[in-house]
C-alpha cells in the first residue's frame, strides 16, 4: 500500500507499507542514491514472513516522490524526512520496537540522523553505508559542484556510479538498468554534502545511542568496506561489524541474500528480547 506525506522541502514523499497483523517489531527501509523503495519488495516480504511490519519511502527527487531527480536543496532535508518517517512509524508501532535498515546513501543519512538527532528506537542496521567511497570522484565534477552548490544547488550531473558493481547477480543489474524509476542524477548540493558527511562520519568518535549493526560487502566497489571498518572502531556501545567477504554493494540483492537477511533477523531478535 502506498501513500504520500509532506517532505521538509516542497513536495510529497512516497511512502510504502508492508503490514502484518500483531507485528513483533517494525522495520524502516532507507534506500540508496538513484534507486527507489520498490526495489526492496523482496526484503519487505522476507521480514513480513518473520512477523515484522515494514515501512519504506522514496527520498525527495527519487522514485515516486516529487522533486527534480537527484536533487535536494539542503542535506538536512534528508534527515528531517527520515525523522518524519520514524515518528510516523513509532505512532503506528505503539510501543512495539522500531528498527532502521539503511543502504548506501541511506546508510549515510541514517548514521548522520542517529548521531545528530539521537532517535529513541530499538536499533539500526546499515548495508554498504556511504562512509568512504570506493572510487575517486572526478575532480572537475567536484569543483563544479562546489562552485554551483550555493548559487545553483539544483544543478545536476551524472552520479558516476558503475551499476555493474551493485550485485554479482546479473539479473539484478539488468533489472536496475531497465527500471524506469531508477535515475543516474545527482544535484550539486547533494553531491558535495555526501562528500562532507562521509568525512564527518570518518572523523566521528563517540558512543552509539542505540544498538548498531554495520554490514559491508568485502568486494564493494562503490562504497569502501574500510570506511565501515574504521567507523566501527571509533564508535562505542552495542556495535556489531559484519564484513561479507566477496559480496558486492547490495548485500540484499546478492546470491547470498537469504543468508544476509537471516543474519539481520537474528541480530534484531536478540535485541527485541
Protein backbone atom coordinates (compact mmCIF):
# COMPACT_ATOMS: atom_id res chain seq x y z
CA UNK A 1 0.00 0.00 0.00
CA UNK A 2 1.39 3.39 -0.99
CA UNK A 3 0.56 6.92 0.16
CA UNK A 4 2.20 10.34 0.43
CA UNK A 5 3.42 12.59 3.23
CA UNK A 6 4.95 16.06 3.00
CA UNK A 7 8.71 16.42 2.64
CA UNK A 8 10.66 19.01 4.64
CA UNK A 9 11.16 20.62 1.21
CA UNK A 10 8.30 21.47 -1.11
CA UNK A 11 6.84 18.25 -2.45
CA UNK A 12 5.45 14.91 -1.44
CA UNK A 13 7.29 11.80 -0.29
CA UNK A 14 6.01 8.44 -1.50
CA UNK A 15 5.59 6.01 1.41
CA UNK A 16 5.13 2.25 1.04
CA UNK A 17 3.88 -0.05 3.80
CA UNK A 18 4.03 -3.85 4.09
CA UNK A 19 1.96 -4.66 7.17
CA UNK A 20 1.29 -7.81 9.18
CA UNK A 21 -1.16 -8.39 12.00
CA UNK A 22 0.28 -8.30 15.53
CA UNK A 23 3.86 -7.46 14.47
CA UNK A 24 6.75 -8.34 16.76
CA UNK A 25 8.59 -5.22 15.58
CA UNK A 26 8.64 -2.59 12.81
CA UNK A 27 11.40 -2.04 10.27
CA UNK A 28 12.02 1.18 8.32
CA UNK A 29 13.81 0.76 4.96
CA UNK A 30 16.00 3.63 3.71
CA UNK A 31 17.20 3.26 0.10
CA UNK A 32 20.32 4.44 -1.72
CA UNK A 33 21.19 7.04 -4.35
CA UNK A 34 19.27 6.93 -7.63
CA UNK A 35 17.05 3.98 -6.68
CA UNK A 36 13.64 3.66 -5.01
CA UNK A 37 11.86 1.67 -2.31
CA UNK A 38 10.11 -0.62 -4.82
CA UNK A 39 13.45 -2.43 -5.26
CA UNK A 40 13.07 -3.65 -1.64
CA UNK A 41 9.84 -5.57 -2.17
CA UNK A 42 11.56 -8.92 -1.54
CA UNK A 43 13.28 -7.55 1.59
CA UNK A 44 9.95 -6.37 2.99
CA UNK A 45 8.30 -9.71 2.19
CA UNK A 46 11.11 -11.58 3.98
CA UNK A 47 10.57 -9.58 7.18
CA UNK A 48 6.78 -9.87 6.87
CA UNK A 49 7.27 -13.65 6.99
CA UNK A 50 9.14 -13.12 10.26
CA UNK A 51 6.12 -11.20 11.61
CA UNK A 52 7.69 -7.74 11.21
CA UNK A 53 5.74 -4.84 9.70
CA UNK A 54 7.81 -2.81 7.22
CA UNK A 55 7.63 0.79 6.03
CA UNK A 56 9.78 2.49 3.39
CA UNK A 57 9.81 5.67 1.36
CA UNK A 58 11.39 7.30 -1.68
CA UNK A 59 13.76 10.18 -0.91
CA UNK A 60 12.81 13.54 -2.37
CA UNK A 61 13.87 13.58 -6.03
CA UNK A 62 13.72 9.78 -6.21
CA UNK A 63 11.25 7.11 -7.30
CA UNK A 64 7.62 8.14 -6.91
CA UNK A 65 8.42 11.12 -4.67
CA UNK A 66 8.26 14.61 -6.10
CA UNK A 67 11.22 16.83 -6.91
CA UNK A 68 13.89 17.16 -9.58
CA UNK A 69 15.75 13.86 -9.91
CA UNK A 70 18.69 13.51 -7.51
CA UNK A 71 18.24 17.00 -6.08
CA UNK A 72 17.80 18.27 -2.52
CA UNK A 73 18.21 21.92 -1.65
CA UNK A 74 19.92 21.09 1.65
CA UNK A 75 21.19 17.84 3.17
CA UNK A 76 19.26 18.33 6.42
CA UNK A 77 16.06 17.79 4.42
CA UNK A 78 17.03 14.10 4.20
CA UNK A 79 17.43 13.92 8.00
CA UNK A 80 14.13 15.75 8.53
CA UNK A 81 12.30 13.43 6.14
CA UNK A 82 13.72 10.32 7.83
CA UNK A 83 12.65 11.78 11.18
CA UNK A 84 9.10 12.21 9.83
CA UNK A 85 9.07 8.54 8.82
CA UNK A 86 10.46 7.48 12.22
CA UNK A 87 7.82 9.49 14.10
CA UNK A 88 5.06 8.14 11.83
CA UNK A 89 6.28 4.58 12.38
CA UNK A 90 6.53 4.99 16.15
CA UNK A 91 2.92 6.18 16.23
CA UNK A 92 1.82 3.13 14.24
CA UNK A 93 4.02 0.79 16.30
CA UNK A 94 2.56 1.99 19.61
CA UNK A 95 5.44 0.92 21.90
CA UNK A 96 6.48 -2.05 19.69
CA UNK A 97 10.24 -1.91 18.82
CA UNK A 98 11.25 0.03 15.70
CA UNK A 99 14.44 -0.64 13.70
CA UNK A 100 16.01 1.03 10.66
CA UNK A 101 17.65 -0.84 7.76
CA UNK A 102 19.54 1.68 5.63
CA UNK A 103 21.57 1.07 2.47
CA UNK A 104 24.40 3.08 0.83
CA UNK A 105 23.39 6.77 0.73
CA UNK A 106 20.57 5.67 3.03
CA UNK A 107 23.22 4.42 5.45
CA UNK A 108 24.98 7.77 5.32
CA UNK A 109 21.69 9.55 6.04
CA UNK A 110 20.71 7.13 8.82
CA UNK A 111 24.07 7.33 10.62
CA UNK A 112 24.09 11.12 10.48
CA UNK A 113 20.49 11.09 11.73
CA UNK A 114 21.40 8.69 14.54
CA UNK A 115 24.40 10.64 15.81
CA UNK A 116 22.96 14.15 15.36
CA UNK A 117 19.30 13.58 16.28
CA UNK A 118 19.59 10.55 18.63
CA UNK A 119 16.21 8.91 17.92
CA UNK A 120 14.69 6.62 20.52
CA UNK A 121 14.40 3.41 18.52
CA UNK A 122 15.42 -0.20 19.10
CA UNK A 123 18.37 -0.35 16.71
CA UNK A 124 19.85 0.38 13.28
CA UNK A 125 21.33 -1.77 10.53
CA UNK A 126 23.42 -0.31 7.72
CA UNK A 127 24.37 -2.02 4.45
CA UNK A 128 27.23 -0.64 2.38
CA UNK A 129 26.89 2.73 4.09
CA UNK A 130 28.44 5.70 2.30
CA UNK A 131 31.21 6.48 4.79
CA UNK A 132 34.08 6.18 2.31
CA UNK A 133 33.71 5.90 -1.47
CA UNK A 134 35.49 3.12 -3.38
CA UNK A 135 36.24 5.44 -6.28
CA UNK A 136 37.71 8.93 -6.58
CA UNK A 137 35.05 11.34 -7.86
CA UNK A 138 36.01 13.30 -10.97
CA UNK A 139 37.89 16.38 -9.62
CA UNK A 140 36.33 18.64 -12.25
CA UNK A 141 32.82 17.47 -11.31
CA UNK A 142 33.56 18.04 -7.60
CA UNK A 143 34.95 21.52 -8.28
CA UNK A 144 31.91 22.38 -10.38
CA UNK A 145 29.63 21.12 -7.62
CA UNK A 146 31.36 23.29 -5.01
CA UNK A 147 31.02 26.35 -7.21
CA UNK A 148 27.36 25.78 -8.05
CA UNK A 149 26.01 24.44 -4.71
CA UNK A 150 25.35 27.91 -3.27
CA UNK A 151 24.22 29.69 -6.42
CA UNK A 152 22.52 26.78 -8.22
CA UNK A 153 22.09 23.86 -5.78
CA UNK A 154 19.72 22.02 -8.12
CA UNK A 155 22.33 21.88 -10.91
CA UNK A 156 22.68 18.15 -11.58
CA UNK A 157 25.22 15.87 -13.20
CA UNK A 158 25.76 12.13 -13.68
CA UNK A 159 26.32 10.40 -10.33
CA UNK A 160 29.33 8.42 -11.70
CA UNK A 161 28.11 5.10 -10.25
CA UNK A 162 29.04 1.97 -12.20
CA UNK A 163 25.81 -0.03 -11.91
CA UNK A 164 27.59 -3.25 -12.91
CA UNK A 165 29.04 -3.27 -9.40
CA UNK A 166 25.74 -3.28 -7.47
CA UNK A 167 25.47 -7.09 -7.46
CA UNK A 168 27.14 -10.26 -8.75
CA UNK A 169 23.65 -11.33 -9.84
CA UNK A 170 23.46 -10.20 -13.50
CA UNK A 171 19.65 -10.32 -13.44
CA UNK A 172 19.65 -7.69 -10.68
CA UNK A 173 21.95 -5.44 -12.74
CA UNK A 174 19.80 -5.80 -15.88
CA UNK A 175 16.60 -5.11 -13.95
CA UNK A 176 18.22 -1.99 -12.46
CA UNK A 177 19.19 -0.72 -15.93
CA UNK A 178 15.64 -1.24 -17.24
CA UNK A 179 13.89 0.26 -14.20
CA UNK A 180 12.13 3.48 -15.21
CA UNK A 181 12.11 4.72 -11.60
CA UNK A 182 15.90 4.49 -11.30
CA UNK A 183 17.97 7.54 -12.33
CA UNK A 184 21.66 8.46 -12.56
CA UNK A 185 21.45 12.13 -11.50
CA UNK A 186 22.87 13.98 -8.51
CA UNK A 187 22.45 17.65 -7.65
CA UNK A 188 25.35 19.89 -6.67
CA UNK A 189 24.19 20.33 -3.07
CA UNK A 190 23.57 16.62 -2.55
CA UNK A 191 26.86 15.58 -4.16
CA UNK A 192 29.04 17.90 -2.09
CA UNK A 193 27.03 17.14 1.06
CA UNK A 194 27.68 13.41 0.63
CA UNK A 195 31.43 14.06 0.49
CA UNK A 196 31.21 16.32 3.58
CA UNK A 197 29.07 13.92 5.62
CA UNK A 198 31.33 11.00 4.69
CA UNK A 199 34.25 12.97 6.13
CA UNK A 200 32.21 13.83 9.24
CA UNK A 201 31.49 10.14 9.86
CA UNK A 202 35.16 9.25 9.25
CA UNK A 203 36.16 11.73 11.97
CA UNK A 204 33.41 10.84 14.44
CA UNK A 205 34.40 9.44 17.82
CA UNK A 206 31.84 8.68 20.49
CA UNK A 207 29.09 6.34 21.58
CA UNK A 208 26.15 4.99 19.63
CA UNK A 209 22.92 5.82 21.48
CA UNK A 210 21.30 2.58 20.22
CA UNK A 211 22.41 -0.91 19.08
CA UNK A 212 24.11 -0.74 15.69
CA UNK A 213 24.84 -3.43 13.08
CA UNK A 214 27.30 -2.25 10.40
CA UNK A 215 27.45 -4.54 7.35
CA UNK A 216 29.52 -4.21 4.17
CA UNK A 217 30.41 -6.30 1.16
CA UNK A 218 34.11 -7.17 1.13
CA UNK A 219 34.26 -6.58 -2.65
CA UNK A 220 32.09 -3.46 -2.67
CA UNK A 221 33.40 -1.22 -5.47
CA UNK A 222 31.00 1.68 -4.82
CA UNK A 223 31.38 2.35 -1.09
CA UNK A 224 34.55 1.06 0.57
CA UNK A 225 34.35 -1.52 3.38
CA UNK A 226 37.37 0.07 5.09
CA UNK A 227 35.19 3.10 5.87
CA UNK A 228 32.71 0.95 7.76
CA UNK A 229 35.51 -0.99 9.49
CA UNK A 230 37.24 2.19 10.68
CA UNK A 231 33.93 3.71 11.79
CA UNK A 232 33.10 0.60 13.84
CA UNK A 233 36.34 1.05 15.79
CA UNK A 234 35.64 4.73 16.52
CA UNK A 235 32.13 4.26 17.89
CA UNK A 236 31.46 2.56 21.23
CA UNK A 237 28.43 0.77 22.61
CA UNK A 238 26.45 -2.19 21.27
CA UNK A 239 28.14 -2.12 17.84
CA UNK A 240 28.49 -5.18 15.57
CA UNK A 241 30.64 -5.22 12.42
CA UNK A 242 29.92 -7.80 9.71
CA UNK A 243 32.03 -7.83 6.53
CA UNK A 244 30.58 -10.18 3.91
CA UNK A 245 33.64 -11.38 2.03
CA UNK A 246 33.40 -11.46 -1.78
CA UNK A 247 29.97 -9.77 -1.77
CA UNK A 248 29.27 -6.60 -3.79
CA UNK A 249 27.39 -3.42 -2.84
CA UNK A 250 23.76 -4.51 -2.50
CA UNK A 251 24.01 -7.27 0.11
CA UNK A 252 20.25 -7.86 0.00
CA UNK A 253 20.49 -8.45 -3.79
CA UNK A 254 23.47 -10.79 -3.82
CA UNK A 255 23.15 -14.57 -4.41
CA UNK A 256 23.67 -14.92 -0.62
CA UNK A 257 20.81 -12.51 0.18
CA UNK A 258 18.91 -15.03 2.32
CA UNK A 259 21.99 -15.59 4.47
CA UNK A 260 22.36 -11.81 4.84
CA UNK A 261 18.72 -11.28 5.80
CA UNK A 262 18.81 -14.24 8.21
CA UNK A 263 21.79 -12.62 9.93
CA UNK A 264 19.95 -9.28 10.22
CA UNK A 265 16.88 -11.06 11.58
CA UNK A 266 18.95 -12.92 14.19
CA UNK A 267 20.58 -9.65 15.27
CA UNK A 268 17.23 -7.90 15.67
CA UNK A 269 15.64 -10.82 17.52
CA UNK A 270 18.43 -10.67 20.10
CA UNK A 271 17.55 -7.02 20.72
CA UNK A 272 13.77 -7.38 20.73
CA UNK A 273 14.05 -9.93 23.54
